[in-house]
C-alpha atoms as a PDB file:
ATOM      1  CA  MET A   1      -0.160   0.017  -0.288  1.00  0.00           C
ATOM      2  CA  GLN A   2       1.430   3.659  -0.918  1.00  0.00           C
ATOM      3  CA  GLU A   3       1.656   6.047   1.689  1.00  0.00           C
ATOM      4  CA  THR A   4      -1.007   8.254   0.195  1.00  0.00           C
ATOM      5  CA  ASP A   5      -3.328   5.300   0.529  1.00  0.00           C
ATOM      6  CA  ARG A   6      -2.658   4.275   3.983  1.00  0.00           C
ATOM      7  CA  LEU A   7      -3.112   7.931   5.072  1.00  0.00           C
ATOM      8  CA  TRP A   8      -6.370   8.434   3.239  1.00  0.00           C
ATOM      9  CA  LEU A   9      -7.707   5.078   4.634  1.00  0.00           C
ATOM     10  CA  THR A  10      -6.488   5.323   8.248  1.00  0.00           C
ATOM     11  CA  THR A  11      -6.602   8.777   9.074  1.00  0.00           C
ATOM     12  CA  PRO A  12      -9.790   9.165  11.039  1.00  0.00           C
ATOM     13  CA  VAL A  13     -12.127  12.287   9.769  1.00  0.00           C
ATOM     14  CA  ASP A  14     -13.710  14.676  12.399  1.00  0.00           C
ATOM     15  CA  PHE A  15     -17.242  14.751  10.408  1.00  0.00           C
ATOM     16  CA  ALA A  16     -18.526  17.570  13.035  1.00  0.00           C
ATOM     17  CA  LYS A  17     -15.941  19.840  12.297  1.00  0.00           C
ATOM     18  CA  ALA A  18     -15.899  19.325   8.661  1.00  0.00           C
ATOM     19  CA  ARG A  19     -19.464  19.798   8.498  1.00  0.00           C
ATOM     20  CA  ALA A  20     -19.368  23.189  10.621  1.00  0.00           C
ATOM     21  CA  ARG A  21     -16.960  24.711   7.672  1.00  0.00           C
ATOM     22  CA  MET A  22     -19.247  23.800   4.948  1.00  0.00           C
ATOM     23  CA  LYS A  23     -22.440  25.468   3.750  1.00  0.00           C
ATOM     24  CA  LYS A  24     -23.104  22.917   1.357  1.00  0.00           C
ATOM     25  CA  SER A  25     -21.342  19.961  -0.247  1.00  0.00           C
ATOM     26  CA  VAL A  26     -21.617  17.491  -2.889  1.00  0.00           C
ATOM     27  CA  ALA A  27     -20.175  13.678  -3.010  1.00  0.00           C
ATOM     28  CA  ILE A  28     -20.009  12.140  -6.614  1.00  0.00           C
ATOM     29  CA  PHE A  29     -19.658   8.498  -6.895  1.00  0.00           C
ATOM     30  CA  SER A  30     -19.219   6.133  -9.904  1.00  0.00           C
ATOM     31  CA  ASP A  31     -21.351   3.020  -9.723  1.00  0.00           C
ATOM     32  CA  ASN A  32     -18.624   0.782 -10.985  1.00  0.00           C
ATOM     33  CA  ASP A  33     -15.598   2.405  -9.008  1.00  0.00           C
ATOM     34  CA  PRO A  34     -13.124  -0.295  -7.993  1.00  0.00           C
ATOM     35  CA  TYR A  35     -11.574   1.468  -5.048  1.00  0.00           C
ATOM     36  CA  VAL A  36     -14.958   3.633  -3.609  1.00  0.00           C
ATOM     37  CA  PRO A  37     -17.999   1.539  -2.963  1.00  0.00           C
ATOM     38  CA  LEU A  38     -21.139   3.438  -3.280  1.00  0.00           C
ATOM     39  CA  ASP A  39     -21.928   2.612   0.567  1.00  0.00           C
ATOM     40  CA  ASN A  40     -19.446   5.157   1.340  1.00  0.00           C
ATOM     41  CA  GLN A  41     -22.317   7.840   0.170  1.00  0.00           C
ATOM     42  CA  ASN A  42     -23.937   7.122   3.593  1.00  0.00           C
ATOM     43  CA  ASP A  43     -21.245   8.823   5.547  1.00  0.00           C
ATOM     44  CA  PHE A  44     -21.512  11.868   3.166  1.00  0.00           C
ATOM     45  CA  ARG A  45     -25.091  12.071   3.356  1.00  0.00           C
ATOM     46  CA  GLU A  46     -25.558  11.435   7.192  1.00  0.00           C
ATOM     47  CA  LYS A  47     -22.635  12.925   8.415  1.00  0.00           C
ATOM     48  CA  LEU A  48     -22.013  15.911   6.210  1.00  0.00           C
ATOM     49  CA  ASP A  49     -25.365  16.437   4.597  1.00  0.00           C
ATOM     50  CA  SER A  50     -24.054  16.029   1.231  1.00  0.00           C
ATOM     51  CA  GLU A  51     -25.872  15.970  -1.997  1.00  0.00           C
ATOM     52  CA  ILE A  52     -25.041  12.820  -3.558  1.00  0.00           C
ATOM     53  CA  ILE A  53     -24.692  12.324  -7.320  1.00  0.00           C
ATOM     54  CA  ILE A  54     -23.921   9.086  -8.801  1.00  0.00           C
ATOM     55  CA  GLU A  55     -22.695   8.883 -12.218  1.00  0.00           C
ATOM     56  CA  HIS A  56     -22.750   5.806 -14.241  1.00  0.00           C
ATOM     57  CA  ASN A  57     -19.746   3.547 -15.678  1.00  0.00           C
ATOM     58  CA  LYS A  58     -17.181   6.287 -14.909  1.00  0.00           C
ATOM     59  CA  GLY A  59     -14.693   3.753 -12.838  1.00  0.00           C
ATOM     60  CA  HIS A  60     -12.326   5.797 -10.510  1.00  0.00           C
ATOM     61  CA  PHE A  61     -12.907   9.177 -12.673  1.00  0.00           C
ATOM     62  CA  THR A  62      -9.332   8.511 -14.285  1.00  0.00           C
ATOM     63  CA  GLU A  63      -8.030   8.557 -17.577  1.00  0.00           C
ATOM     64  CA  GLY A  64      -7.294   5.069 -17.556  1.00  0.00           C
ATOM     65  CA  ASP A  65     -10.820   4.652 -16.823  1.00  0.00           C
ATOM     66  CA  GLY A  66     -11.655   6.665 -20.202  1.00  0.00           C
ATOM     67  CA  VAL A  67     -13.041   9.295 -17.939  1.00  0.00           C
ATOM     68  CA  PHE A  68     -11.383  12.854 -19.113  1.00  0.00           C
ATOM     69  CA  GLU A  69     -14.297  15.567 -17.984  1.00  0.00           C
ATOM     70  CA  VAL A  70     -16.951  15.067 -15.659  1.00  0.00           C
ATOM     71  CA  PRO A  71     -19.493  17.773 -16.150  1.00  0.00           C
ATOM     72  CA  ALA A  72     -21.312  16.762 -12.961  1.00  0.00           C
ATOM     73  CA  VAL A  73     -18.395  18.174 -11.255  1.00  0.00           C
ATOM     74  CA  LEU A  74     -18.581  21.648 -12.965  1.00  0.00           C
ATOM     75  CA  ASP A  75     -22.501  21.587 -12.308  1.00  0.00           C
ATOM     76  CA  ALA A  76     -21.997  21.051  -8.423  1.00  0.00           C
ATOM     77  CA  VAL A  77     -19.420  23.757  -8.326  1.00  0.00           C
ATOM     78  CA  LEU A  78     -21.294  26.157  -9.907  1.00  0.00           C
ATOM     79  CA  ARG A  79     -24.759  25.332  -8.039  1.00  0.00           C
ATOM     80  CA  ILE A  80     -22.859  25.554  -4.882  1.00  0.00           C
ATOM     81  CA  SER A  81     -21.031  28.893  -5.446  1.00  0.00           C
ATOM     82  CA  GLY A  82     -24.528  30.421  -6.754  1.00  0.00           C
ATOM     83  CA  LYS A  83     -23.213  30.935 -10.462  1.00  0.00           C
ATOM     84  CA  LYS A  84     -26.021  28.455 -11.595  1.00  0.00           C
END
């Protein structure tokens, strides 16, 4: 396991602190991501009150998965920032 992976998977998240600093949040998942299971959306929804978006067949959102753009990300940023 790479150091980045280890830190990502083992560092505890203070959800209350994170939630207090965010007015809005969006979590975007792919229904066929080999690394991030869809049941992770529950933490974002329940602990951060995030809007959940599920993209179909986007893998881990990488070039290797054939994903070069994710329009849902731009749309979410524009909505959160009040630009849309």
